[in-house]
């Protein structure tokens, strides 16, 4: 997955539809949060075992919501001038130091 290419494609969609005016960091963070709530809703009221064995339609729906979340986060990083690859790698290295010692 090339994050730069994905971001460029997202920008093309954004620009084609004149959505940049709506893509403030605040709005993108809120949109990602809404998509996360939609993902959580899929699992609401399921047991632990049921959550690990989603039927195909719910699994596909979960995948769509994960995709939405990642795309909004890519746009958010772009708006903030953050390199998603770098921030994710940095956070992973921090977790390895903290939890794998």
C-alpha atoms as a PDB file:
ATOM      1  CA  UNK A   1       0.000   0.000   0.000  1.00  0.00           C
ATOM      2  CA  UNK A   2       1.565   3.246  -1.128  1.00  0.00           C
ATOM      3  CA  UNK A   3       0.182   5.948   1.156  1.00  0.00           C
ATOM      4  CA  UNK A   4       1.336   8.774  -1.111  1.00  0.00           C
ATOM      5  CA  UNK A   5      -0.540   7.310  -4.084  1.00  0.00           C
ATOM      6  CA  UNK A   6      -3.649   6.742  -1.991  1.00  0.00           C
ATOM      7  CA  UNK A   7      -3.501  10.318  -0.721  1.00  0.00           C
ATOM      8  CA  UNK A   8      -3.105  11.633  -4.271  1.00  0.00           C
ATOM      9  CA  UNK A   9      -6.169   9.654  -5.356  1.00  0.00           C
ATOM     10  CA  UNK A  10      -8.120  11.011  -2.396  1.00  0.00           C
ATOM     11  CA  UNK A  11      -7.078  14.547  -3.272  1.00  0.00           C
ATOM     12  CA  UNK A  12      -8.256  13.989  -6.852  1.00  0.00           C
ATOM     13  CA  UNK A  13     -11.701  12.930  -5.576  1.00  0.00           C
ATOM     14  CA  UNK A  14     -11.765  15.825  -3.119  1.00  0.00           C
ATOM     15  CA  UNK A  15     -10.765  18.359  -5.754  1.00  0.00           C
ATOM     16  CA  UNK A  16     -13.132  16.970  -8.411  1.00  0.00           C
ATOM     17  CA  UNK A  17     -16.038  17.434  -5.997  1.00  0.00           C
ATOM     18  CA  UNK A  18     -14.844  20.743  -4.500  1.00  0.00           C
ATOM     19  CA  UNK A  19     -14.791  19.238  -1.013  1.00  0.00           C
ATOM     20  CA  UNK A  20     -11.556  20.853   0.203  1.00  0.00           C
ATOM     21  CA  UNK A  21     -13.595  23.606   1.828  1.00  0.00           C
ATOM     22  CA  UNK A  22     -15.041  20.951   4.152  1.00  0.00           C
ATOM     23  CA  UNK A  23     -11.762  19.142   4.892  1.00  0.00           C
ATOM     24  CA  UNK A  24     -10.529  21.054   7.899  1.00  0.00           C
ATOM     25  CA  UNK A  25      -8.655  18.994  10.489  1.00  0.00           C
ATOM     26  CA  UNK A  26     -11.646  19.384  12.829  1.00  0.00           C
ATOM     27  CA  UNK A  27     -14.126  18.088  10.262  1.00  0.00           C
ATOM     28  CA  UNK A  28     -11.888  15.202   9.177  1.00  0.00           C
ATOM     29  CA  UNK A  29     -11.329  14.118  12.788  1.00  0.00           C
ATOM     30  CA  UNK A  30     -15.066  14.244  13.392  1.00  0.00           C
ATOM     31  CA  UNK A  31     -15.776  12.261  10.210  1.00  0.00           C
ATOM     32  CA  UNK A  32     -13.259   9.588  11.234  1.00  0.00           C
ATOM     33  CA  UNK A  33     -14.939   9.403  14.630  1.00  0.00           C
ATOM     34  CA  UNK A  34     -18.368   8.937  13.033  1.00  0.00           C
ATOM     35  CA  UNK A  35     -17.014   6.126  10.854  1.00  0.00           C
ATOM     36  CA  UNK A  36     -15.463   4.505  13.926  1.00  0.00           C
ATOM     37  CA  UNK A  37     -18.862   4.636  15.617  1.00  0.00           C
ATOM     38  CA  UNK A  38     -20.351   2.901  12.577  1.00  0.00           C
ATOM     39  CA  UNK A  39     -17.705   0.177  12.917  1.00  0.00           C
ATOM     40  CA  UNK A  40     -18.437  -0.188  16.628  1.00  0.00           C
ATOM     41  CA  UNK A  41     -22.143  -0.511  15.852  1.00  0.00           C
ATOM     42  CA  UNK A  42     -21.451  -3.705  13.872  1.00  0.00           C
ATOM     43  CA  UNK A  43     -20.089  -5.342  17.028  1.00  0.00           C
ATOM     44  CA  UNK A  44     -22.633  -3.920  19.468  1.00  0.00           C
ATOM     45  CA  UNK A  45     -24.374  -6.650  21.445  1.00  0.00           C
ATOM     46  CA  UNK A  46     -22.236  -9.471  20.020  1.00  0.00           C
ATOM     47  CA  UNK A  47     -20.413 -11.885  22.290  1.00  0.00           C
ATOM     48  CA  UNK A  48     -16.624 -12.093  22.074  1.00  0.00           C
ATOM     49  CA  UNK A  49     -16.927 -15.286  20.007  1.00  0.00           C
ATOM     50  CA  UNK A  50     -19.534 -13.779  17.672  1.00  0.00           C
ATOM     51  CA  UNK A  51     -17.304 -10.743  17.121  1.00  0.00           C
ATOM     52  CA  UNK A  52     -14.544 -13.074  15.894  1.00  0.00           C
ATOM     53  CA  UNK A  53     -16.845 -14.950  13.523  1.00  0.00           C
ATOM     54  CA  UNK A  54     -18.776 -12.317  11.626  1.00  0.00           C
ATOM     55  CA  UNK A  55     -20.994 -13.510   8.794  1.00  0.00           C
ATOM     56  CA  UNK A  56     -19.754 -12.519   5.338  1.00  0.00           C
ATOM     57  CA  UNK A  57     -22.094  -9.538   4.987  1.00  0.00           C
ATOM     58  CA  UNK A  58     -21.100  -8.058   8.359  1.00  0.00           C
ATOM     59  CA  UNK A  59     -17.423  -8.726   7.661  1.00  0.00           C
ATOM     60  CA  UNK A  60     -17.721  -6.867   4.349  1.00  0.00           C
ATOM     61  CA  UNK A  61     -19.495  -4.009   6.121  1.00  0.00           C
ATOM     62  CA  UNK A  62     -16.723  -3.887   8.750  1.00  0.00           C
ATOM     63  CA  UNK A  63     -14.159  -3.711   5.961  1.00  0.00           C
ATOM     64  CA  UNK A  64     -15.977  -0.779   4.384  1.00  0.00           C
ATOM     65  CA  UNK A  65     -15.981   1.097   7.673  1.00  0.00           C
ATOM     66  CA  UNK A  66     -12.278   0.373   8.270  1.00  0.00           C
ATOM     67  CA  UNK A  67     -11.591   1.711   4.779  1.00  0.00           C
ATOM     68  CA  UNK A  68     -13.545   4.881   5.514  1.00  0.00           C
ATOM     69  CA  UNK A  69     -11.614   5.411   8.749  1.00  0.00           C
ATOM     70  CA  UNK A  70      -8.219   4.941   7.103  1.00  0.00           C
ATOM     71  CA  UNK A  71      -9.091   7.262   4.225  1.00  0.00           C
ATOM     72  CA  UNK A  72     -10.248  10.013   6.583  1.00  0.00           C
ATOM     73  CA  UNK A  73      -7.062   9.589   8.611  1.00  0.00           C
ATOM     74  CA  UNK A  74      -4.974   9.894   5.441  1.00  0.00           C
ATOM     75  CA  UNK A  75      -6.757  13.129   4.597  1.00  0.00           C
ATOM     76  CA  UNK A  76      -6.303  14.360   8.172  1.00  0.00           C
ATOM     77  CA  UNK A  77      -2.569  13.661   8.064  1.00  0.00           C
ATOM     78  CA  UNK A  78      -2.349  15.502   4.761  1.00  0.00           C
ATOM     79  CA  UNK A  79      -4.164  18.550   6.146  1.00  0.00           C
ATOM     80  CA  UNK A  80      -1.934  18.602   9.239  1.00  0.00           C
ATOM     81  CA  UNK A  81       1.275  18.049   7.293  1.00  0.00           C
ATOM     82  CA  UNK A  82       1.912  14.734   9.032  1.00  0.00           C
ATOM     83  CA  UNK A  83       3.545  11.770   7.310  1.00  0.00           C
ATOM     84  CA  UNK A  84       1.280   8.844   8.217  1.00  0.00           C
ATOM     85  CA  UNK A  85       3.984   6.270   7.556  1.00  0.00           C
ATOM     86  CA  UNK A  86       6.364   8.105   9.882  1.00  0.00           C
ATOM     87  CA  UNK A  87       3.853   8.689  12.689  1.00  0.00           C
ATOM     88  CA  UNK A  88       2.683   5.056  12.599  1.00  0.00           C
ATOM     89  CA  UNK A  89       6.253   3.722  12.594  1.00  0.00           C
ATOM     90  CA  UNK A  90       7.176   6.057  15.444  1.00  0.00           C
ATOM     91  CA  UNK A  91       4.177   4.967  17.509  1.00  0.00           C
ATOM     92  CA  UNK A  92       4.902   1.285  16.826  1.00  0.00           C
ATOM     93  CA  UNK A  93       8.549   1.721  17.894  1.00  0.00           C
ATOM     94  CA  UNK A  94       7.355   3.481  21.061  1.00  0.00           C
ATOM     95  CA  UNK A  95       4.968   0.589  21.829  1.00  0.00           C
ATOM     96  CA  UNK A  96       7.739  -1.935  21.256  1.00  0.00           C
ATOM     97  CA  UNK A  97       9.988  -0.070  23.714  1.00  0.00           C
ATOM     98  CA  UNK A  98       7.237   0.200  26.314  1.00  0.00           C
ATOM     99  CA  UNK A  99       5.666  -3.243  26.071  1.00  0.00           C
ATOM    100  CA  UNK A 100       8.284  -5.636  24.711  1.00  0.00           C
ATOM    101  CA  UNK A 101      11.132  -5.021  27.137  1.00  0.00           C
END
